[in-house]
Amino acid sequence: MRIAIAGAGKVGKAIARELLTNGHDVLLIDRDPAEVRPESIPGARMLLADACEATALESADLSSCQIMIAATG
């Protein structure tokens, strides 16, 4: 299953790790470059973007995701 997570902080990363362990395709979206370093969650795809911006969500190809999780303030 393809899953996008808006927010790559502690909660978003914890969810991503669990989903990756269960074989899902995970995309983490965050506007903080320090949070979307590829080495922080091996196996997850990262997108440096503001998930509140429609253009950022379009570039994330959310229409191909089965689930979208909001893990941000």
N, C-alpha and C. Protein backbone atom coordinates (compact mmCIF):
# COMPACT_ATOMS: atom_id res chain seq x y z
N MET A 1 0.85 -1.17 0.00
CA MET A 1 0.00 0.00 0.00
C MET A 1 0.90 1.24 0.00
N ARG A 2 0.52 2.26 -0.75
CA ARG A 2 1.27 3.51 -0.78
C ARG A 2 0.63 4.48 0.22
N ILE A 3 1.46 4.99 1.12
CA ILE A 3 0.97 5.84 2.20
C ILE A 3 1.82 7.09 2.28
N ALA A 4 1.16 8.26 2.32
CA ALA A 4 1.85 9.53 2.50
C ALA A 4 1.63 10.02 3.93
N ILE A 5 2.68 10.57 4.51
CA ILE A 5 2.60 11.11 5.87
C ILE A 5 3.07 12.56 5.83
N ALA A 6 2.18 13.46 6.20
CA ALA A 6 2.54 14.87 6.32
C ALA A 6 3.05 15.09 7.74
N GLY A 7 4.31 15.41 7.85
CA GLY A 7 4.94 15.61 9.15
C GLY A 7 5.96 14.52 9.41
N ALA A 8 7.23 14.89 9.40
CA ALA A 8 8.31 13.91 9.58
C ALA A 8 9.00 14.10 10.93
N GLY A 9 8.23 14.53 11.92
CA GLY A 9 8.77 14.64 13.27
C GLY A 9 8.73 13.28 13.95
N LYS A 10 8.73 13.27 15.27
CA LYS A 10 8.76 12.01 16.02
C LYS A 10 7.57 11.12 15.69
N VAL A 11 6.38 11.68 15.66
CA VAL A 11 5.18 10.88 15.40
C VAL A 11 5.17 10.34 13.97
N GLY A 12 5.41 11.22 13.00
CA GLY A 12 5.42 10.80 11.61
C GLY A 12 6.46 9.73 11.33
N LYS A 13 7.64 9.89 11.91
CA LYS A 13 8.71 8.91 11.70
C LYS A 13 8.38 7.58 12.38
N ALA A 14 7.77 7.63 13.54
CA ALA A 14 7.39 6.39 14.24
C ALA A 14 6.35 5.63 13.41
N ILE A 15 5.39 6.33 12.86
CA ILE A 15 4.38 5.70 12.00
C ILE A 15 5.06 5.12 10.76
N ALA A 16 5.96 5.89 10.16
CA ALA A 16 6.66 5.44 8.95
C ALA A 16 7.45 4.16 9.21
N ARG A 17 8.16 4.11 10.31
CA ARG A 17 8.94 2.90 10.64
C ARG A 17 8.04 1.67 10.74
N GLU A 18 6.92 1.82 11.41
CA GLU A 18 5.99 0.70 11.57
C GLU A 18 5.44 0.26 10.21
N LEU A 19 5.07 1.22 9.39
CA LEU A 19 4.52 0.89 8.08
C LEU A 19 5.57 0.22 7.18
N LEU A 20 6.80 0.73 7.21
CA LEU A 20 7.88 0.13 6.42
C LEU A 20 8.16 -1.30 6.86
N THR A 21 8.12 -1.54 8.17
CA THR A 21 8.33 -2.88 8.71
C THR A 21 7.28 -3.85 8.17
N ASN A 22 6.11 -3.33 7.88
CA ASN A 22 5.02 -4.16 7.38
C ASN A 22 4.92 -4.14 5.85
N GLY A 23 5.96 -3.65 5.19
CA GLY A 23 6.05 -3.75 3.74
C GLY A 23 5.35 -2.69 2.92
N HIS A 24 4.98 -1.58 3.53
CA HIS A 24 4.29 -0.53 2.80
C HIS A 24 5.28 0.45 2.17
N ASP A 25 4.80 1.15 1.13
CA ASP A 25 5.56 2.19 0.44
C ASP A 25 5.22 3.51 1.12
N VAL A 26 6.21 4.15 1.74
CA VAL A 26 5.95 5.34 2.57
C VAL A 26 6.63 6.58 2.00
N LEU A 27 5.86 7.66 1.95
CA LEU A 27 6.37 8.98 1.56
C LEU A 27 6.18 9.92 2.74
N LEU A 28 7.27 10.50 3.24
CA LEU A 28 7.21 11.49 4.32
C LEU A 28 7.34 12.88 3.71
N ILE A 29 6.46 13.79 4.11
CA ILE A 29 6.47 15.16 3.61
C ILE A 29 6.69 16.10 4.78
N ASP A 30 7.70 16.95 4.67
CA ASP A 30 7.95 17.94 5.73
C ASP A 30 8.66 19.14 5.12
N ARG A 31 8.45 20.30 5.71
CA ARG A 31 9.09 21.51 5.19
C ARG A 31 10.44 21.79 5.84
N ASP A 32 10.80 21.00 6.84
CA ASP A 32 12.08 21.18 7.54
C ASP A 32 13.13 20.25 6.93
N PRO A 33 14.17 20.81 6.32
CA PRO A 33 15.19 19.97 5.69
C PRO A 33 15.85 18.98 6.66
N ALA A 34 15.95 19.35 7.91
CA ALA A 34 16.57 18.46 8.90
C ALA A 34 15.73 17.21 9.14
N GLU A 35 14.43 17.29 8.89
CA GLU A 35 13.53 16.14 9.14
C GLU A 35 13.43 15.19 7.96
N VAL A 36 13.76 15.64 6.77
CA VAL A 36 13.58 14.79 5.59
C VAL A 36 14.91 14.30 5.00
N ARG A 37 15.87 14.08 5.87
CA ARG A 37 17.14 13.49 5.43
C ARG A 37 16.89 12.01 5.13
N PRO A 38 17.28 11.55 3.94
CA PRO A 38 17.00 10.15 3.57
C PRO A 38 17.54 9.12 4.56
N GLU A 39 18.65 9.41 5.21
CA GLU A 39 19.21 8.43 6.14
C GLU A 39 18.43 8.34 7.45
N SER A 40 17.52 9.28 7.71
CA SER A 40 16.78 9.24 8.97
C SER A 40 15.77 8.10 9.02
N ILE A 41 15.20 7.73 7.89
CA ILE A 41 14.27 6.60 7.81
C ILE A 41 14.60 5.82 6.53
N PRO A 42 15.52 4.86 6.63
CA PRO A 42 15.88 4.09 5.44
C PRO A 42 14.67 3.38 4.84
N GLY A 43 14.53 3.49 3.54
CA GLY A 43 13.42 2.84 2.85
C GLY A 43 12.25 3.76 2.56
N ALA A 44 12.15 4.86 3.27
CA ALA A 44 11.06 5.81 3.02
C ALA A 44 11.50 6.83 1.98
N ARG A 45 10.55 7.28 1.21
CA ARG A 45 10.82 8.39 0.29
C ARG A 45 10.53 9.67 1.04
N MET A 46 11.29 10.71 0.74
CA MET A 46 11.15 11.99 1.43
C MET A 46 10.83 13.09 0.44
N LEU A 47 9.98 14.02 0.85
CA LEU A 47 9.67 15.18 0.03
C LEU A 47 9.79 16.42 0.91
N LEU A 48 10.70 17.30 0.52
CA LEU A 48 10.86 18.57 1.23
C LEU A 48 9.83 19.54 0.66
N ALA A 49 8.77 19.73 1.41
CA ALA A 49 7.67 20.58 0.95
C ALA A 49 6.75 20.91 2.12
N ASP A 50 5.95 21.94 1.93
CA ASP A 50 4.93 22.33 2.91
C ASP A 50 3.64 21.62 2.53
N ALA A 51 3.19 20.70 3.36
CA ALA A 51 2.00 19.91 3.06
C ALA A 51 0.71 20.74 3.09
N CYS A 52 0.81 22.01 3.46
CA CYS A 52 -0.35 22.90 3.41
C CYS A 52 -0.51 23.54 2.03
N GLU A 53 0.47 23.35 1.17
CA GLU A 53 0.44 23.93 -0.17
C GLU A 53 -0.08 22.91 -1.17
N ALA A 54 -1.10 23.29 -1.93
CA ALA A 54 -1.70 22.37 -2.90
C ALA A 54 -0.69 21.91 -3.94
N THR A 55 0.20 22.79 -4.36
CA THR A 55 1.18 22.40 -5.38
C THR A 55 2.14 21.34 -4.84
N ALA A 56 2.46 21.42 -3.57
CA ALA A 56 3.33 20.41 -2.96
C ALA A 56 2.64 19.06 -2.94
N LEU A 57 1.36 19.05 -2.63
CA LEU A 57 0.61 17.80 -2.59
C LEU A 57 0.45 17.21 -3.98
N GLU A 58 0.32 18.06 -4.99
CA GLU A 58 0.24 17.58 -6.36
C GLU A 58 1.56 16.92 -6.77
N SER A 59 2.67 17.52 -6.39
CA SER A 59 3.98 16.95 -6.74
C SER A 59 4.23 15.64 -5.99
N ALA A 60 3.54 15.42 -4.89
CA ALA A 60 3.67 14.18 -4.13
C ALA A 60 2.86 13.05 -4.76
N ASP A 61 2.06 13.36 -5.78
CA ASP A 61 1.23 12.37 -6.47
C ASP A 61 0.33 11.63 -5.49
N LEU A 62 -0.40 12.40 -4.69
CA LEU A 62 -1.28 11.79 -3.68
C LEU A 62 -2.40 10.96 -4.27
N SER A 63 -2.73 11.19 -5.52
CA SER A 63 -3.81 10.40 -6.12
C SER A 63 -3.43 8.92 -6.21
N SER A 64 -2.13 8.62 -6.13
CA SER A 64 -1.71 7.22 -6.16
C SER A 64 -1.58 6.62 -4.77
N CYS A 65 -1.86 7.40 -3.75
CA CYS A 65 -1.78 6.91 -2.36
C CYS A 65 -3.14 6.37 -1.93
N GLN A 66 -3.11 5.29 -1.17
CA GLN A 66 -4.34 4.75 -0.61
C GLN A 66 -4.68 5.42 0.71
N ILE A 67 -3.65 5.93 1.41
CA ILE A 67 -3.86 6.55 2.71
C ILE A 67 -3.01 7.81 2.81
N MET A 68 -3.55 8.84 3.44
CA MET A 68 -2.83 10.07 3.76
C MET A 68 -2.96 10.28 5.26
N ILE A 69 -1.82 10.43 5.92
CA ILE A 69 -1.81 10.63 7.38
C ILE A 69 -1.29 12.03 7.68
N ALA A 70 -2.01 12.76 8.50
CA ALA A 70 -1.56 14.07 8.97
C ALA A 70 -0.96 13.89 10.35
N ALA A 71 0.36 14.04 10.43
CA ALA A 71 1.07 13.89 11.71
C ALA A 71 1.84 15.16 12.00
N THR A 72 1.17 16.27 11.86
CA THR A 72 1.80 17.58 12.04
C THR A 72 0.86 18.48 12.81
N GLY A 73 1.43 19.51 13.40
CA GLY A 73 0.62 20.48 14.14
C GLY A 73 -0.08 21.39 13.24
